[in-house]
């Protein structure tokens, strides 16, 4: 949740687009543990995740895996 807040404005209400590698660099746990805990927050109604793709056009066009994260104010 901290990484999501750090990715945008500090009000925590808008969607943030974060690529999957940013989370793996930030988080000290394994990817499996991260996704398990993220899915638990989604099921409890605290987090909304939208799968998207972002384009990176440095020297070549390539599609990077990314997701949109929205922190919800109340759980179920």
PDB file of N, CA and C in Angstrom:
ATOM      1  N   UNK A   1       0.830  -1.185   0.000  1.00  0.00           N
ATOM      2  CA  UNK A   1       0.000   0.000   0.000  1.00  0.00           C
ATOM      3  C   UNK A   1       0.879   1.255   0.000  1.00  0.00           C
ATOM      4  N   UNK A   2       1.989   1.212   0.704  1.00  0.00           N
ATOM      5  CA  UNK A   2       2.890   2.362   0.745  1.00  0.00           C
ATOM      6  C   UNK A   2       3.413   2.675  -0.647  1.00  0.00           C
ATOM      7  N   UNK A   3       3.783   1.654  -1.394  1.00  0.00           N
ATOM      8  CA  UNK A   3       4.306   1.865  -2.751  1.00  0.00           C
ATOM      9  C   UNK A   3       3.246   2.476  -3.654  1.00  0.00           C
ATOM     10  N   UNK A   4       2.005   2.115  -3.475  1.00  0.00           N
ATOM     11  CA  UNK A   4       0.920   2.677  -4.273  1.00  0.00           C
ATOM     12  C   UNK A   4       0.746   4.159  -3.961  1.00  0.00           C
ATOM     13  N   UNK A   5       0.771   4.511  -2.686  1.00  0.00           N
ATOM     14  CA  UNK A   5       0.637   5.912  -2.286  1.00  0.00           C
ATOM     15  C   UNK A   5       1.822   6.724  -2.815  1.00  0.00           C
ATOM     16  N   UNK A   6       3.021   6.147  -2.776  1.00  0.00           N
ATOM     17  CA  UNK A   6       4.207   6.855  -3.250  1.00  0.00           C
ATOM     18  C   UNK A   6       4.157   7.129  -4.749  1.00  0.00           C
ATOM     19  N   UNK A   7       3.362   6.389  -5.491  1.00  0.00           N
ATOM     20  CA  UNK A   7       3.323   6.519  -6.945  1.00  0.00           C
ATOM     21  C   UNK A   7       2.473   7.685  -7.424  1.00  0.00           C
ATOM     22  N   UNK A   8       1.782   8.380  -6.537  1.00  0.00           N
ATOM     23  CA  UNK A   8       0.910   9.470  -6.989  1.00  0.00           C
ATOM     24  C   UNK A   8       0.724  10.526  -5.925  1.00  0.00           C
ATOM     25  N   UNK A   9      -0.371  11.253  -6.030  1.00  0.00           N
ATOM     26  CA  UNK A   9      -0.666  12.292  -5.054  1.00  0.00           C
ATOM     27  C   UNK A   9      -0.923  11.646  -3.694  1.00  0.00           C
ATOM     28  N   UNK A  10      -0.829  12.439  -2.651  1.00  0.00           N
ATOM     29  CA  UNK A  10      -0.897  11.890  -1.294  1.00  0.00           C
ATOM     30  C   UNK A  10      -2.312  11.721  -0.764  1.00  0.00           C
ATOM     31  N   UNK A  11      -3.332  12.010  -1.568  1.00  0.00           N
ATOM     32  CA  UNK A  11      -4.693  11.819  -1.079  1.00  0.00           C
ATOM     33  C   UNK A  11      -5.125  10.362  -1.131  1.00  0.00           C
ATOM     34  N   UNK A  12      -4.462   9.537  -1.942  1.00  0.00           N
ATOM     35  CA  UNK A  12      -4.731   8.106  -1.979  1.00  0.00           C
ATOM     36  C   UNK A  12      -6.027   7.697  -2.653  1.00  0.00           C
ATOM     37  N   UNK A  13      -6.643   8.596  -3.427  1.00  0.00           N
ATOM     38  CA  UNK A  13      -7.944   8.269  -3.993  1.00  0.00           C
ATOM     39  C   UNK A  13      -7.914   7.944  -5.480  1.00  0.00           C
ATOM     40  N   UNK A  14      -6.877   8.316  -6.184  1.00  0.00           N
ATOM     41  CA  UNK A  14      -6.849   8.099  -7.622  1.00  0.00           C
ATOM     42  C   UNK A  14      -6.053   6.846  -7.983  1.00  0.00           C
ATOM     43  N   UNK A  15      -6.299   6.338  -9.189  1.00  0.00           N
ATOM     44  CA  UNK A  15      -5.579   5.162  -9.670  1.00  0.00           C
ATOM     45  C   UNK A  15      -4.127   5.518  -9.965  1.00  0.00           C
ATOM     46  N   UNK A  16      -3.237   4.608  -9.599  1.00  0.00           N
ATOM     47  CA  UNK A  16      -1.821   4.741  -9.923  1.00  0.00           C
ATOM     48  C   UNK A  16      -1.439   3.617 -10.854  1.00  0.00           C
ATOM     49  N   UNK A  17      -0.684   3.920 -11.882  1.00  0.00           N
ATOM     50  CA  UNK A  17      -0.217   2.905 -12.808  1.00  0.00           C
ATOM     51  C   UNK A  17       1.219   2.576 -12.448  1.00  0.00           C
ATOM     52  N   UNK A  18       1.455   1.306 -12.088  1.00  0.00           N
ATOM     53  CA  UNK A  18       2.773   0.852 -11.636  1.00  0.00           C
ATOM     54  C   UNK A  18       3.109  -0.416 -12.394  1.00  0.00           C
ATOM     55  N   UNK A  19       4.304  -0.466 -12.968  1.00  0.00           N
ATOM     56  CA  UNK A  19       4.688  -1.701 -13.657  1.00  0.00           C
ATOM     57  C   UNK A  19       5.103  -2.754 -12.644  1.00  0.00           C
ATOM     58  N   UNK A  20       5.000  -4.009 -13.045  1.00  0.00           N
ATOM     59  CA  UNK A  20       5.262  -5.128 -12.139  1.00  0.00           C
ATOM     60  C   UNK A  20       6.690  -5.124 -11.610  1.00  0.00           C
ATOM     61  N   UNK A  21       7.642  -4.688 -12.412  1.00  0.00           N
ATOM     62  CA  UNK A  21       9.035  -4.682 -11.953  1.00  0.00           C
ATOM     63  C   UNK A  21       9.263  -3.650 -10.844  1.00  0.00           C
ATOM     64  N   UNK A  22       8.483  -2.573 -10.827  1.00  0.00           N
ATOM     65  CA  UNK A  22       8.617  -1.573  -9.758  1.00  0.00           C
ATOM     66  C   UNK A  22       8.267  -2.178  -8.403  1.00  0.00           C
ATOM     67  N   UNK A  23       7.244  -3.023  -8.375  1.00  0.00           N
ATOM     68  CA  UNK A  23       6.895  -3.678  -7.118  1.00  0.00           C
ATOM     69  C   UNK A  23       7.952  -4.694  -6.701  1.00  0.00           C
ATOM     70  N   UNK A  24       8.463  -5.442  -7.636  1.00  0.00           N
ATOM     71  CA  UNK A  24       9.472  -6.439  -7.270  1.00  0.00           C
ATOM     72  C   UNK A  24      10.749  -5.766  -6.780  1.00  0.00           C
ATOM     73  N   UNK A  25      11.061  -4.577  -7.287  1.00  0.00           N
ATOM     74  CA  UNK A  25      12.232  -3.836  -6.806  1.00  0.00           C
ATOM     75  C   UNK A  25      11.993  -3.240  -5.418  1.00  0.00           C
ATOM     76  N   UNK A  26      10.761  -2.840  -5.140  1.00  0.00           N
ATOM     77  CA  UNK A  26      10.432  -2.184  -3.876  1.00  0.00           C
ATOM     78  C   UNK A  26      10.222  -3.171  -2.736  1.00  0.00           C
ATOM     79  N   UNK A  27       9.586  -4.284  -3.031  1.00  0.00           N
ATOM     80  CA  UNK A  27       9.172  -5.239  -2.008  1.00  0.00           C
ATOM     81  C   UNK A  27      10.295  -6.218  -1.665  1.00  0.00           C
ATOM     82  N   UNK A  28      10.455  -6.518  -0.391  1.00  0.00           N
ATOM     83  CA  UNK A  28      11.520  -7.436   0.030  1.00  0.00           C
ATOM     84  C   UNK A  28      11.064  -8.898   0.039  1.00  0.00           C
ATOM     85  N   UNK A  29       9.777  -9.153  -0.122  1.00  0.00           N
ATOM     86  CA  UNK A  29       9.284 -10.531  -0.119  1.00  0.00           C
ATOM     87  C   UNK A  29       9.340 -11.111  -1.537  1.00  0.00           C
ATOM     88  N   UNK A  30       9.056 -12.377  -1.646  1.00  0.00           N
ATOM     89  CA  UNK A  30       9.054 -13.026  -2.961  1.00  0.00           C
ATOM     90  C   UNK A  30       7.855 -12.530  -3.772  1.00  0.00           C
ATOM     91  N   UNK A  31       7.911 -12.700  -5.082  1.00  0.00           N
ATOM     92  CA  UNK A  31       6.799 -12.284  -5.933  1.00  0.00           C
ATOM     93  C   UNK A  31       5.533 -13.057  -5.587  1.00  0.00           C
ATOM     94  N   UNK A  32       5.690 -14.350  -5.290  1.00  0.00           N
ATOM     95  CA  UNK A  32       4.536 -15.176  -4.923  1.00  0.00           C
ATOM     96  C   UNK A  32       3.853 -14.626  -3.670  1.00  0.00           C
ATOM     97  N   UNK A  33       4.648 -14.290  -2.649  1.00  0.00           N
ATOM     98  CA  UNK A  33       4.086 -13.757  -1.407  1.00  0.00           C
ATOM     99  C   UNK A  33       3.426 -12.399  -1.647  1.00  0.00           C
ATOM    100  N   UNK A  34       4.058 -11.575  -2.479  1.00  0.00           N
ATOM    101  CA  UNK A  34       3.490 -10.264  -2.785  1.00  0.00           C
ATOM    102  C   UNK A  34       2.123 -10.396  -3.444  1.00  0.00           C
ATOM    103  N   UNK A  35       2.016 -11.230  -4.482  1.00  0.00           N
ATOM    104  CA  UNK A  35       0.747 -11.393  -5.182  1.00  0.00           C
ATOM    105  C   UNK A  35      -0.314 -12.030  -4.293  1.00  0.00           C
ATOM    106  N   UNK A  36       0.086 -12.936  -3.406  1.00  0.00           N
ATOM    107  CA  UNK A  36      -0.869 -13.555  -2.483  1.00  0.00           C
ATOM    108  C   UNK A  36      -1.465 -12.491  -1.555  1.00  0.00           C
ATOM    109  N   UNK A  37      -0.613 -11.628  -1.006  1.00  0.00           N
ATOM    110  CA  UNK A  37      -1.096 -10.589  -0.098  1.00  0.00           C
ATOM    111  C   UNK A  37      -1.894  -9.523  -0.839  1.00  0.00           C
ATOM    112  N   UNK A  38      -1.467  -9.188  -2.059  1.00  0.00           N
ATOM    113  CA  UNK A  38      -2.211  -8.222  -2.859  1.00  0.00           C
ATOM    114  C   UNK A  38      -3.611  -8.745  -3.158  1.00  0.00           C
ATOM    115  N   UNK A  39      -3.711 -10.020  -3.517  1.00  0.00           N
ATOM    116  CA  UNK A  39      -5.010 -10.617  -3.798  1.00  0.00           C
ATOM    117  C   UNK A  39      -5.895 -10.664  -2.564  1.00  0.00           C
ATOM    118  N   UNK A  40      -5.294 -10.844  -1.397  1.00  0.00           N
ATOM    119  CA  UNK A  40      -6.069 -10.819  -0.151  1.00  0.00           C
ATOM    120  C   UNK A  40      -6.664  -9.429   0.075  1.00  0.00           C
ATOM    121  N   UNK A  41      -5.908  -8.365  -0.213  1.00  0.00           N
ATOM    122  CA  UNK A  41      -6.431  -7.007  -0.071  1.00  0.00           C
ATOM    123  C   UNK A  41      -7.553  -6.734  -1.070  1.00  0.00           C
ATOM    124  N   UNK A  42      -7.444  -7.293  -2.259  1.00  0.00           N
ATOM    125  CA  UNK A  42      -8.498  -7.141  -3.260  1.00  0.00           C
ATOM    126  C   UNK A  42      -9.771  -7.842  -2.789  1.00  0.00           C
ATOM    127  N   UNK A  43      -9.643  -9.074  -2.300  1.00  0.00           N
ATOM    128  CA  UNK A  43     -10.809  -9.837  -1.834  1.00  0.00           C
ATOM    129  C   UNK A  43     -11.482  -9.171  -0.647  1.00  0.00           C
ATOM    130  N   UNK A  44     -10.699  -8.499   0.206  1.00  0.00           N
ATOM    131  CA  UNK A  44     -11.259  -7.827   1.379  1.00  0.00           C
ATOM    132  C   UNK A  44     -11.847  -6.462   1.033  1.00  0.00           C
ATOM    133  N   UNK A  45     -11.662  -6.008  -0.203  1.00  0.00           N
ATOM    134  CA  UNK A  45     -12.263  -4.755  -0.642  1.00  0.00           C
ATOM    135  C   UNK A  45     -11.449  -3.511  -0.354  1.00  0.00           C
ATOM    136  N   UNK A  46     -10.158  -3.646  -0.029  1.00  0.00           N
ATOM    137  CA  UNK A  46      -9.310  -2.492   0.247  1.00  0.00           C
ATOM    138  C   UNK A  46      -8.525  -2.006  -0.963  1.00  0.00           C
ATOM    139  N   UNK A  47      -8.476  -2.810  -2.017  1.00  0.00           N
ATOM    140  CA  UNK A  47      -7.650  -2.485  -3.174  1.00  0.00           C
ATOM    141  C   UNK A  47      -8.353  -2.932  -4.448  1.00  0.00           C
ATOM    142  N   UNK A  48      -8.288  -2.094  -5.467  1.00  0.00           N
ATOM    143  CA  UNK A  48      -8.826  -2.432  -6.781  1.00  0.00           C
ATOM    144  C   UNK A  48      -7.647  -2.484  -7.752  1.00  0.00           C
ATOM    145  N   UNK A  49      -7.551  -3.569  -8.525  1.00  0.00           N
ATOM    146  CA  UNK A  49      -6.445  -3.754  -9.454  1.00  0.00           C
ATOM    147  C   UNK A  49      -7.005  -3.898 -10.862  1.00  0.00           C
ATOM    148  N   UNK A  50      -6.431  -3.144 -11.788  1.00  0.00           N
ATOM    149  CA  UNK A  50      -6.841  -3.199 -13.191  1.00  0.00           C
ATOM    150  C   UNK A  50      -5.613  -3.534 -14.029  1.00  0.00           C
ATOM    151  N   UNK A  51      -5.676  -4.635 -14.780  1.00  0.00           N
ATOM    152  CA  UNK A  51      -4.546  -5.053 -15.607  1.00  0.00           C
ATOM    153  C   UNK A  51      -4.530  -4.231 -16.890  1.00  0.00           C
ATOM    154  N   UNK A  52      -3.394  -3.611 -17.158  1.00  0.00           N
ATOM    155  CA  UNK A  52      -3.226  -2.799 -18.361  1.00  0.00           C
ATOM    156  C   UNK A  52      -1.842  -3.046 -18.943  1.00  0.00           C
ATOM    157  N   UNK A  53      -1.551  -2.461 -20.031  1.00  0.00           N
ATOM    158  CA  UNK A  53      -0.214  -2.503 -20.613  1.00  0.00           C
ATOM    159  C   UNK A  53       0.253  -1.086 -20.849  1.00  0.00           C
ATOM    160  N   UNK A  54       1.509  -0.826 -20.650  1.00  0.00           N
ATOM    161  CA  UNK A  54       2.046   0.507 -20.919  1.00  0.00           C
ATOM    162  C   UNK A  54       3.115   0.395 -21.986  1.00  0.00           C
ATOM    163  N   UNK A  55       3.280   1.449 -22.750  1.00  0.00           N
ATOM    164  CA  UNK A  55       4.251   1.427 -23.829  1.00  0.00           C
ATOM    165  C   UNK A  55       5.508   2.169 -23.416  1.00  0.00           C
ATOM    166  N   UNK A  56       6.641   1.596 -23.712  1.00  0.00           N
ATOM    167  CA  UNK A  56       7.929   2.214 -23.440  1.00  0.00           C
ATOM    168  C   UNK A  56       8.618   2.430 -24.783  1.00  0.00           C
ATOM    169  N   UNK A  57       8.896   3.665 -25.123  1.00  0.00           N
ATOM    170  CA  UNK A  57       9.435   3.956 -26.442  1.00  0.00           C
ATOM    171  C   UNK A  57      10.825   4.591 -26.333  1.00  0.00           C
ATOM    172  N   UNK A  58      11.751   3.930 -25.625  1.00  0.00           N
ATOM    173  CA  UNK A  58      13.111   4.453 -25.530  1.00  0.00           C
ATOM    174  C   UNK A  58      13.809   4.330 -26.878  1.00  0.00           C
ATOM    175  N   UNK A  59      14.252   3.160 -27.221  1.00  0.00           N
ATOM    176  CA  UNK A  59      14.889   2.958 -28.517  1.00  0.00           C
ATOM    177  C   UNK A  59      14.067   2.041 -29.399  1.00  0.00           C
ATOM    178  N   UNK A  60      13.163   1.309 -28.782  1.00  0.00           N
ATOM    179  CA  UNK A  60      12.288   0.425 -29.541  1.00  0.00           C
ATOM    180  C   UNK A  60      10.941   0.365 -28.837  1.00  0.00           C
ATOM    181  N   UNK A  61       9.936   0.009 -29.551  1.00  0.00           N
ATOM    182  CA  UNK A  61       8.595  -0.085 -28.994  1.00  0.00           C
ATOM    183  C   UNK A  61       8.419  -1.445 -28.344  1.00  0.00           C
ATOM    184  N   UNK A  62       8.070  -1.444 -27.078  1.00  0.00           N
ATOM    185  CA  UNK A  62       7.867  -2.705 -26.381  1.00  0.00           C
ATOM    186  C   UNK A  62       6.758  -2.530 -25.366  1.00  0.00           C
ATOM    187  N   UNK A  63       6.013  -3.575 -25.116  1.00  0.00           N
ATOM    188  CA  UNK A  63       4.905  -3.531 -24.169  1.00  0.00           C
ATOM    189  C   UNK A  63       5.391  -4.066 -22.831  1.00  0.00           C
ATOM    190  N   UNK A  64       5.249  -3.250 -21.801  1.00  0.00           N
ATOM    191  CA  UNK A  64       5.619  -3.634 -20.444  1.00  0.00           C
ATOM    192  C   UNK A  64       4.347  -3.985 -19.672  1.00  0.00           C
ATOM    193  N   UNK A  65       4.432  -4.983 -18.830  1.00  0.00           N
ATOM    194  CA  UNK A  65       3.304  -5.367 -18.004  1.00  0.00           C
ATOM    195  C   UNK A  65       3.106  -4.337 -16.897  1.00  0.00           C
ATOM    196  N   UNK A  66       1.884  -3.839 -16.761  1.00  0.00           N
ATOM    197  CA  UNK A  66       1.586  -2.847 -15.729  1.00  0.00           C
ATOM    198  C   UNK A  66       0.173  -3.070 -15.221  1.00  0.00           C
ATOM    199  N   UNK A  67      -0.104  -2.482 -14.071  1.00  0.00           N
ATOM    200  CA  UNK A  67      -1.431  -2.569 -13.487  1.00  0.00           C
ATOM    201  C   UNK A  67      -1.806  -1.217 -12.901  1.00  0.00           C
ATOM    202  N   UNK A  68      -3.107  -0.954 -12.873  1.00  0.00           N
ATOM    203  CA  UNK A  68      -3.614   0.245 -12.232  1.00  0.00           C
ATOM    204  C   UNK A  68      -4.115  -0.124 -10.850  1.00  0.00           C
ATOM    205  N   UNK A  69      -3.659   0.594  -9.838  1.00  0.00           N
ATOM    206  CA  UNK A  69      -4.031   0.314  -8.447  1.00  0.00           C
ATOM    207  C   UNK A  69      -4.815   1.488  -7.878  1.00  0.00           C
ATOM    208  N   UNK A  70      -5.941   1.178  -7.231  1.00  0.00           N
ATOM    209  CA  UNK A  70      -6.730   2.172  -6.541  1.00  0.00           C
ATOM    210  C   UNK A  70      -6.969   1.686  -5.118  1.00  0.00           C
ATOM    211  N   UNK A  71      -6.596   2.496  -4.139  1.00  0.00           N
ATOM    212  CA  UNK A  71      -6.855   2.162  -2.733  1.00  0.00           C
ATOM    213  C   UNK A  71      -8.279   2.599  -2.410  1.00  0.00           C
ATOM    214  N   UNK A  72      -9.081   1.665  -1.937  1.00  0.00           N
ATOM    215  CA  UNK A  72     -10.470   1.947  -1.595  1.00  0.00           C
ATOM    216  C   UNK A  72     -10.553   2.321  -0.132  1.00  0.00           C
ATOM    217  N   UNK A  73     -11.438   3.247   0.214  1.00  0.00           N
ATOM    218  CA  UNK A  73     -11.490   3.764   1.580  1.00  0.00           C
ATOM    219  C   UNK A  73     -12.025   2.764   2.592  1.00  0.00           C
ATOM    220  N   UNK A  74     -12.911   1.872   2.166  1.00  0.00           N
ATOM    221  CA  UNK A  74     -13.490   0.915   3.098  1.00  0.00           C
ATOM    222  C   UNK A  74     -13.469  -0.489   2.525  1.00  0.00           C
ATOM    223  N   UNK A  75     -13.215  -1.465   3.365  1.00  0.00           N
ATOM    224  CA  UNK A  75     -13.279  -2.862   2.951  1.00  0.00           C
ATOM    225  C   UNK A  75     -14.714  -3.344   2.957  1.00  0.00           C
ATOM    226  N   UNK A  76     -14.873  -4.636   2.711  1.00  0.00           N
ATOM    227  CA  UNK A  76     -16.216  -5.234   2.683  1.00  0.00           C
ATOM    228  C   UNK A  76     -16.839  -5.247   4.047  1.00  0.00           C
TER     229      UNK A  76
END
